[in-house]
Amino acid sequence: MAENGKNCDQRRVAMNKEHHNGNFTDPSSVNEKKRREREERQNIVLWRQPLITLQYFSLEILVILKEWTSNMCNV
């Protein structure tokens, strides 16, 4: 039993500060992930194809109105 407690203490001391909930996080990989996410967010724009955006908007409005009217009729 003492040996088991010793192993736990050694593991606890050996843990890196970057260790959280069983996952190791490498600072460079975190920075790379943030950079990729930032680039993905910058690529999401509505004004590159405004006609397609308006088309999807109007179709979405029609679907929402259809669902709303059918729910109102069923009440």
PDB file of N, CA and C in Angstrom:
ATOM      1  N   MET A   1       0.822  -1.189   0.000  1.00  0.00           N
ATOM      2  CA  MET A   1       0.000   0.000   0.000  1.00  0.00           C
ATOM      3  C   MET A   1       0.864   1.250   0.000  1.00  0.00           C
ATOM      4  N   ALA A   2       1.946   1.222   0.751  1.00  0.00           N
ATOM      5  CA  ALA A   2       2.846   2.372   0.771  1.00  0.00           C
ATOM      6  C   ALA A   2       3.454   2.582  -0.606  1.00  0.00           C
ATOM      7  N   GLU A   3       3.719   1.481  -1.286  1.00  0.00           N
ATOM      8  CA  GLU A   3       4.293   1.600  -2.622  1.00  0.00           C
ATOM      9  C   GLU A   3       3.299   2.263  -3.578  1.00  0.00           C
ATOM     10  N   ASN A   4       2.033   1.905  -3.430  1.00  0.00           N
ATOM     11  CA  ASN A   4       1.003   2.486  -4.276  1.00  0.00           C
ATOM     12  C   ASN A   4       0.895   3.987  -4.038  1.00  0.00           C
ATOM     13  N   GLY A   5       0.931   4.415  -2.785  1.00  0.00           N
ATOM     14  CA  GLY A   5       0.882   5.838  -2.468  1.00  0.00           C
ATOM     15  C   GLY A   5       2.085   6.578  -3.000  1.00  0.00           C
ATOM     16  N   LYS A   6       3.224   5.937  -2.980  1.00  0.00           N
ATOM     17  CA  LYS A   6       4.451   6.544  -3.492  1.00  0.00           C
ATOM     18  C   LYS A   6       4.331   6.780  -4.996  1.00  0.00           C
ATOM     19  N   ASN A   7       3.774   5.818  -5.718  1.00  0.00           N
ATOM     20  CA  ASN A   7       3.601   5.971  -7.161  1.00  0.00           C
ATOM     21  C   ASN A   7       2.674   7.133  -7.486  1.00  0.00           C
ATOM     22  N   CYS A   8       1.612   7.297  -6.720  1.00  0.00           N
ATOM     23  CA  CYS A   8       0.678   8.399  -6.945  1.00  0.00           C
ATOM     24  C   CYS A   8       1.366   9.742  -6.731  1.00  0.00           C
ATOM     25  N   ASP A   9       2.181   9.817  -5.671  1.00  0.00           N
ATOM     26  CA  ASP A   9       2.889  11.067  -5.404  1.00  0.00           C
ATOM     27  C   ASP A   9       3.872  11.387  -6.517  1.00  0.00           C
ATOM     28  N   GLN A  10       4.552  10.369  -7.024  1.00  0.00           N
ATOM     29  CA  GLN A  10       5.504  10.592  -8.100  1.00  0.00           C
ATOM     30  C   GLN A  10       4.798  11.079  -9.351  1.00  0.00           C
ATOM     31  N   ARG A  11       3.650  10.493  -9.655  1.00  0.00           N
ATOM     32  CA  ARG A  11       2.900  10.932 -10.828  1.00  0.00           C
ATOM     33  C   ARG A  11       2.419  12.366 -10.662  1.00  0.00           C
ATOM     34  N   ARG A  12       1.971  12.694  -9.475  1.00  0.00           N
ATOM     35  CA  ARG A  12       1.462  14.037  -9.215  1.00  0.00           C
ATOM     36  C   ARG A  12       2.571  15.070  -9.393  1.00  0.00           C
ATOM     37  N   VAL A  13       3.768  14.767  -8.892  1.00  0.00           N
ATOM     38  CA  VAL A  13       4.902  15.677  -9.017  1.00  0.00           C
ATOM     39  C   VAL A  13       5.348  15.778 -10.467  1.00  0.00           C
ATOM     40  N   ALA A  14       5.269  14.678 -11.194  1.00  0.00           N
ATOM     41  CA  ALA A  14       5.751  14.647 -12.568  1.00  0.00           C
ATOM     42  C   ALA A  14       4.805  15.333 -13.545  1.00  0.00           C
ATOM     43  N   MET A  15       3.565  15.626 -13.122  1.00  0.00           N
ATOM     44  CA  MET A  15       2.607  16.237 -14.033  1.00  0.00           C
ATOM     45  C   MET A  15       3.038  17.644 -14.417  1.00  0.00           C
ATOM     46  N   ASN A  16       2.852  17.940 -15.668  1.00  0.00           N
ATOM     47  CA  ASN A  16       3.180  19.252 -16.194  1.00  0.00           C
ATOM     48  C   ASN A  16       2.081  20.242 -15.812  1.00  0.00           C
ATOM     49  N   LYS A  17       2.390  21.516 -15.745  1.00  0.00           N
ATOM     50  CA  LYS A  17       1.373  22.523 -15.438  1.00  0.00           C
ATOM     51  C   LYS A  17       0.308  22.599 -16.521  1.00  0.00           C
ATOM     52  N   GLU A  18       0.645  22.154 -17.720  1.00  0.00           N
ATOM     53  CA  GLU A  18      -0.291  22.217 -18.842  1.00  0.00           C
ATOM     54  C   GLU A  18      -1.263  21.043 -18.850  1.00  0.00           C
ATOM     55  N   HIS A  19      -1.222  20.193 -17.846  1.00  0.00           N
ATOM     56  CA  HIS A  19      -2.051  18.995 -17.795  1.00  0.00           C
ATOM     57  C   HIS A  19      -3.387  19.347 -17.144  1.00  0.00           C
ATOM     58  N   HIS A  20      -4.486  19.188 -17.881  1.00  0.00           N
ATOM     59  CA  HIS A  20      -5.822  19.500 -17.367  1.00  0.00           C
ATOM     60  C   HIS A  20      -6.772  18.364 -17.721  1.00  0.00           C
ATOM     61  N   ASN A  21      -7.419  17.801 -16.748  1.00  0.00           N
ATOM     62  CA  ASN A  21      -8.456  16.787 -16.936  1.00  0.00           C
ATOM     63  C   ASN A  21      -8.013  15.645 -17.849  1.00  0.00           C
ATOM     64  N   GLY A  22      -6.809  15.202 -17.704  1.00  0.00           N
ATOM     65  CA  GLY A  22      -6.343  14.064 -18.477  1.00  0.00           C
ATOM     66  C   GLY A  22      -5.862  14.403 -19.869  1.00  0.00           C
ATOM     67  N   ASN A  23      -5.912  15.657 -20.272  1.00  0.00           N
ATOM     68  CA  ASN A  23      -5.466  16.049 -21.605  1.00  0.00           C
ATOM     69  C   ASN A  23      -4.215  16.903 -21.498  1.00  0.00           C
ATOM     70  N   PHE A  24      -3.226  16.569 -22.286  1.00  0.00           N
ATOM     71  CA  PHE A  24      -2.029  17.387 -22.343  1.00  0.00           C
ATOM     72  C   PHE A  24      -2.222  18.430 -23.431  1.00  0.00           C
ATOM     73  N   THR A  25      -1.934  19.668 -23.104  1.00  0.00           N
ATOM     74  CA  THR A  25      -2.064  20.731 -24.090  1.00  0.00           C
ATOM     75  C   THR A  25      -0.694  21.321 -24.351  1.00  0.00           C
ATOM     76  N   ASP A  26      -0.300  21.311 -25.581  1.00  0.00           N
ATOM     77  CA  ASP A  26       0.969  21.883 -25.989  1.00  0.00           C
ATOM     78  C   ASP A  26       0.718  23.343 -26.357  1.00  0.00           C
ATOM     79  N   PRO A  27       1.426  24.288 -25.773  1.00  0.00           N
ATOM     80  CA  PRO A  27       1.170  25.698 -26.067  1.00  0.00           C
ATOM     81  C   PRO A  27       1.264  26.027 -27.552  1.00  0.00           C
ATOM     82  N   SER A  28       2.184  25.397 -28.273  1.00  0.00           N
ATOM     83  CA  SER A  28       2.297  25.689 -29.698  1.00  0.00           C
ATOM     84  C   SER A  28       1.078  25.173 -30.462  1.00  0.00           C
ATOM     85  N   SER A  29       0.528  24.021 -30.056  1.00  0.00           N
ATOM     86  CA  SER A  29      -0.657  23.502 -30.737  1.00  0.00           C
ATOM     87  C   SER A  29      -1.881  24.357 -30.418  1.00  0.00           C
ATOM     88  N   VAL A  30      -1.931  24.916 -29.219  1.00  0.00           N
ATOM     89  CA  VAL A  30      -3.044  25.796 -28.859  1.00  0.00           C
ATOM     90  C   VAL A  30      -2.984  27.056 -29.704  1.00  0.00           C
ATOM     91  N   ASN A  31      -1.797  27.625 -29.873  1.00  0.00           N
ATOM     92  CA  ASN A  31      -1.654  28.821 -30.701  1.00  0.00           C
ATOM     93  C   ASN A  31      -1.998  28.527 -32.151  1.00  0.00           C
ATOM     94  N   GLU A  32      -1.592  27.362 -32.640  1.00  0.00           N
ATOM     95  CA  GLU A  32      -1.902  26.975 -34.018  1.00  0.00           C
ATOM     96  C   GLU A  32      -3.410  26.801 -34.193  1.00  0.00           C
ATOM     97  N   LYS A  33      -4.067  26.206 -33.208  1.00  0.00           N
ATOM     98  CA  LYS A  33      -5.519  26.020 -33.280  1.00  0.00           C
ATOM     99  C   LYS A  33      -6.239  27.366 -33.287  1.00  0.00           C
ATOM    100  N   LYS A  34      -5.785  28.286 -32.435  1.00  0.00           N
ATOM    101  CA  LYS A  34      -6.394  29.622 -32.410  1.00  0.00           C
ATOM    102  C   LYS A  34      -6.210  30.333 -33.737  1.00  0.00           C
ATOM    103  N   ARG A  35      -5.029  30.184 -34.346  1.00  0.00           N
ATOM    104  CA  ARG A  35      -4.762  30.840 -35.621  1.00  0.00           C
ATOM    105  C   ARG A  35      -5.666  30.269 -36.715  1.00  0.00           C
ATOM    106  N   ARG A  36      -5.812  28.926 -36.744  1.00  0.00           N
ATOM    107  CA  ARG A  36      -6.684  28.311 -37.745  1.00  0.00           C
ATOM    108  C   ARG A  36      -8.133  28.737 -37.560  1.00  0.00           C
ATOM    109  N   GLU A  37      -8.608  28.794 -36.308  1.00  0.00           N
ATOM    110  CA  GLU A  37      -9.986  29.213 -36.043  1.00  0.00           C
ATOM    111  C   GLU A  37     -10.204  30.662 -36.462  1.00  0.00           C
ATOM    112  N   ARG A  38      -9.218  31.513 -36.219  1.00  0.00           N
ATOM    113  CA  ARG A  38      -9.325  32.911 -36.617  1.00  0.00           C
ATOM    114  C   ARG A  38      -9.418  33.032 -38.131  1.00  0.00           C
ATOM    115  N   GLU A  39      -8.599  32.256 -38.856  1.00  0.00           N
ATOM    116  CA  GLU A  39      -8.648  32.275 -40.320  1.00  0.00           C
ATOM    117  C   GLU A  39      -9.996  31.772 -40.830  1.00  0.00           C
ATOM    118  N   GLU A  40     -10.537  30.735 -40.210  1.00  0.00           N
ATOM    119  CA  GLU A  40     -11.842  30.222 -40.617  1.00  0.00           C
ATOM    120  C   GLU A  40     -12.925  31.270 -40.409  1.00  0.00           C
ATOM    121  N   ARG A  41     -12.875  31.984 -39.282  1.00  0.00           N
ATOM    122  CA  ARG A  41     -13.871  33.021 -39.026  1.00  0.00           C
ATOM    123  C   ARG A  41     -13.756  34.158 -40.026  1.00  0.00           C
ATOM    124  N   GLN A  42     -12.541  34.490 -40.443  1.00  0.00           N
ATOM    125  CA  GLN A  42     -12.358  35.571 -41.402  1.00  0.00           C
ATOM    126  C   GLN A  42     -12.861  35.180 -42.784  1.00  0.00           C
ATOM    127  N   ASN A  43     -12.886  33.887 -43.080  1.00  0.00           N
ATOM    128  CA  ASN A  43     -13.359  33.435 -44.386  1.00  0.00           C
ATOM    129  C   ASN A  43     -14.879  33.389 -44.476  1.00  0.00           C
ATOM    130  N   ILE A  44     -15.572  33.453 -43.357  1.00  0.00           N
ATOM    131  CA  ILE A  44     -17.033  33.414 -43.367  1.00  0.00           C
ATOM    132  C   ILE A  44     -17.546  34.843 -43.565  1.00  0.00           C
ATOM    133  N   VAL A  45     -18.030  35.098 -44.764  1.00  0.00           N
ATOM    134  CA  VAL A  45     -18.564  36.428 -45.069  1.00  0.00           C
ATOM    135  C   VAL A  45     -19.854  36.273 -45.862  1.00  0.00           C
ATOM    136  N   LEU A  46     -20.718  37.247 -45.760  1.00  0.00           N
ATOM    137  CA  LEU A  46     -21.999  37.203 -46.459  1.00  0.00           C
ATOM    138  C   LEU A  46     -21.978  37.977 -47.774  1.00  0.00           C
ATOM    139  N   TRP A  47     -21.048  38.886 -47.928  1.00  0.00           N
ATOM    140  CA  TRP A  47     -21.098  39.790 -49.064  1.00  0.00           C
ATOM    141  C   TRP A  47     -20.353  39.297 -50.293  1.00  0.00           C
ATOM    142  N   ARG A  48     -19.732  38.128 -50.248  1.00  0.00           N
ATOM    143  CA  ARG A  48     -19.058  37.623 -51.446  1.00  0.00           C
ATOM    144  C   ARG A  48     -20.062  37.213 -52.510  1.00  0.00           C
ATOM    145  N   GLN A  49     -21.165  36.640 -52.084  1.00  0.00           N
ATOM    146  CA  GLN A  49     -22.216  36.229 -53.006  1.00  0.00           C
ATOM    147  C   GLN A  49     -23.556  36.705 -52.454  1.00  0.00           C
ATOM    148  N   PRO A  50     -23.851  37.984 -52.604  1.00  0.00           N
ATOM    149  CA  PRO A  50     -25.054  38.536 -51.965  1.00  0.00           C
ATOM    150  C   PRO A  50     -26.364  37.961 -52.505  1.00  0.00           C
ATOM    151  N   LEU A  51     -26.405  37.603 -53.785  1.00  0.00           N
ATOM    152  CA  LEU A  51     -27.656  37.064 -54.326  1.00  0.00           C
ATOM    153  C   LEU A  51     -27.967  35.687 -53.745  1.00  0.00           C
ATOM    154  N   ILE A  52     -26.968  34.874 -53.603  1.00  0.00           N
ATOM    155  CA  ILE A  52     -27.181  33.553 -53.001  1.00  0.00           C
ATOM    156  C   ILE A  52     -27.561  33.710 -51.531  1.00  0.00           C
ATOM    157  N   THR A  53     -26.940  34.680 -50.856  1.00  0.00           N
ATOM    158  CA  THR A  53     -27.286  34.939 -49.459  1.00  0.00           C
ATOM    159  C   THR A  53     -28.744  35.365 -49.345  1.00  0.00           C
ATOM    160  N   LEU A  54     -29.186  36.247 -50.226  1.00  0.00           N
ATOM    161  CA  LEU A  54     -30.590  36.680 -50.213  1.00  0.00           C
ATOM    162  C   LEU A  54     -31.527  35.527 -50.552  1.00  0.00           C
ATOM    163  N   GLN A  55     -31.121  34.676 -51.461  1.00  0.00           N
ATOM    164  CA  GLN A  55     -31.946  33.523 -51.806  1.00  0.00           C
ATOM    165  C   GLN A  55     -32.133  32.610 -50.595  1.00  0.00           C
ATOM    166  N   TYR A  56     -31.033  32.270 -49.930  1.00  0.00           N
ATOM    167  CA  TYR A  56     -31.133  31.411 -48.745  1.00  0.00           C
ATOM    168  C   TYR A  56     -31.925  32.087 -47.627  1.00  0.00           C
ATOM    169  N   PHE A  57     -31.746  33.388 -47.475  1.00  0.00           N
ATOM    170  CA  PHE A  57     -32.499  34.127 -46.464  1.00  0.00           C
ATOM    171  C   PHE A  57     -33.996  34.040 -46.739  1.00  0.00           C
ATOM    172  N   SER A  58     -34.378  34.288 -47.973  1.00  0.00           N
ATOM    173  CA  SER A  58     -35.810  34.255 -48.296  1.00  0.00           C
ATOM    174  C   SER A  58     -36.381  32.842 -48.160  1.00  0.00           C
ATOM    175  N   LEU A  59     -35.623  31.835 -48.559  1.00  0.00           N
ATOM    176  CA  LEU A  59     -36.101  30.458 -48.385  1.00  0.00           C
ATOM    177  C   LEU A  59     -36.249  30.109 -46.905  1.00  0.00           C
ATOM    178  N   GLU A  60     -35.312  30.544 -46.115  1.00  0.00           N
ATOM    179  CA  GLU A  60     -35.397  30.282 -44.682  1.00  0.00           C
ATOM    180  C   GLU A  60     -36.601  30.976 -44.070  1.00  0.00           C
ATOM    181  N   ILE A  61     -36.876  32.201 -44.480  1.00  0.00           N
ATOM    182  CA  ILE A  61     -38.054  32.934 -43.991  1.00  0.00           C
ATOM    183  C   ILE A  61     -39.330  32.191 -44.375  1.00  0.00           C
ATOM    184  N   LEU A  62     -39.387  31.685 -45.600  1.00  0.00           N
ATOM    185  CA  LEU A  62     -40.580  30.942 -46.029  1.00  0.00           C
ATOM    186  C   LEU A  62     -40.780  29.683 -45.189  1.00  0.00           C
ATOM    187  N   VAL A  63     -39.730  28.979 -44.907  1.00  0.00           N
ATOM    188  CA  VAL A  63     -39.843  27.764 -44.093  1.00  0.00           C
ATOM    189  C   VAL A  63     -40.307  28.120 -42.687  1.00  0.00           C
ATOM    190  N   ILE A  64     -39.751  29.172 -42.121  1.00  0.00           N
ATOM    191  CA  ILE A  64     -40.143  29.588 -40.766  1.00  0.00           C
ATOM    192  C   ILE A  64     -41.606  30.016 -40.740  1.00  0.00           C
ATOM    193  N   LEU A  65     -42.027  30.776 -41.734  1.00  0.00           N
ATOM    194  CA  LEU A  65     -43.438  31.199 -41.798  1.00  0.00           C
ATOM    195  C   LEU A  65     -44.373  30.006 -41.966  1.00  0.00           C
ATOM    196  N   LYS A  66     -43.982  29.050 -42.781  1.00  0.00           N
ATOM    197  CA  LYS A  66     -44.811  27.855 -42.978  1.00  0.00           C
ATOM    198  C   LYS A  66     -44.958  27.091 -41.666  1.00  0.00           C
ATOM    199  N   GLU A  67     -43.849  26.897 -40.955  1.00  0.00           N
ATOM    200  CA  GLU A  67     -43.906  26.205 -39.667  1.00  0.00           C
ATOM    201  C   GLU A  67     -44.744  26.993 -38.664  1.00  0.00           C
ATOM    202  N   TRP A  68     -44.593  28.288 -38.650  1.00  0.00           N
ATOM    203  CA  TRP A  68     -45.343  29.126 -37.718  1.00  0.00           C
ATOM    204  C   TRP A  68     -46.843  29.055 -37.989  1.00  0.00           C
ATOM    205  N   THR A  69     -47.223  29.144 -39.267  1.00  0.00           N
ATOM    206  CA  THR A  69     -48.658  29.083 -39.587  1.00  0.00           C
ATOM    207  C   THR A  69     -49.230  27.703 -39.299  1.00  0.00           C
ATOM    208  N   SER A  70     -48.465  26.663 -39.573  1.00  0.00           N
ATOM    209  CA  SER A  70     -48.998  25.320 -39.288  1.00  0.00           C
ATOM    210  C   SER A  70     -49.139  25.111 -37.777  1.00  0.00           C
ATOM    211  N   ASN A  71     -48.223  25.669 -37.002  1.00  0.00           N
ATOM    212  CA  ASN A  71     -48.347  25.573 -35.535  1.00  0.00           C
ATOM    213  C   ASN A  71     -49.536  26.392 -35.035  1.00  0.00           C
ATOM    214  N   MET A  72     -49.801  27.515 -35.650  1.00  0.00           N
ATOM    215  CA  MET A  72     -50.940  28.352 -35.229  1.00  0.00           C
ATOM    216  C   MET A  72     -52.254  27.669 -35.572  1.00  0.00           C
ATOM    217  N   CYS A  73     -52.304  26.967 -36.693  1.00  0.00           N
ATOM    218  CA  CYS A  73     -53.535  26.290 -37.091  1.00  0.00           C
ATOM    219  C   CYS A  73     -53.804  25.054 -36.227  1.00  0.00           C
ATOM    220  N   ASN A  74     -52.772  24.441 -35.735  1.00  0.00           N
ATOM    221  CA  ASN A  74     -52.925  23.225 -34.929  1.00  0.00           C
ATOM    222  C   ASN A  74     -53.281  23.527 -33.470  1.00  0.00           C
ATOM    223  N   VAL A  75     -53.173  24.751 -33.042  1.00  0.00           N
ATOM    224  CA  VAL A  75     -53.456  25.082 -31.645  1.00  0.00           C
ATOM    225  C   VAL A  75     -54.884  25.191 -31.417  1.00  0.00           C
TER     226      VAL A  75
END
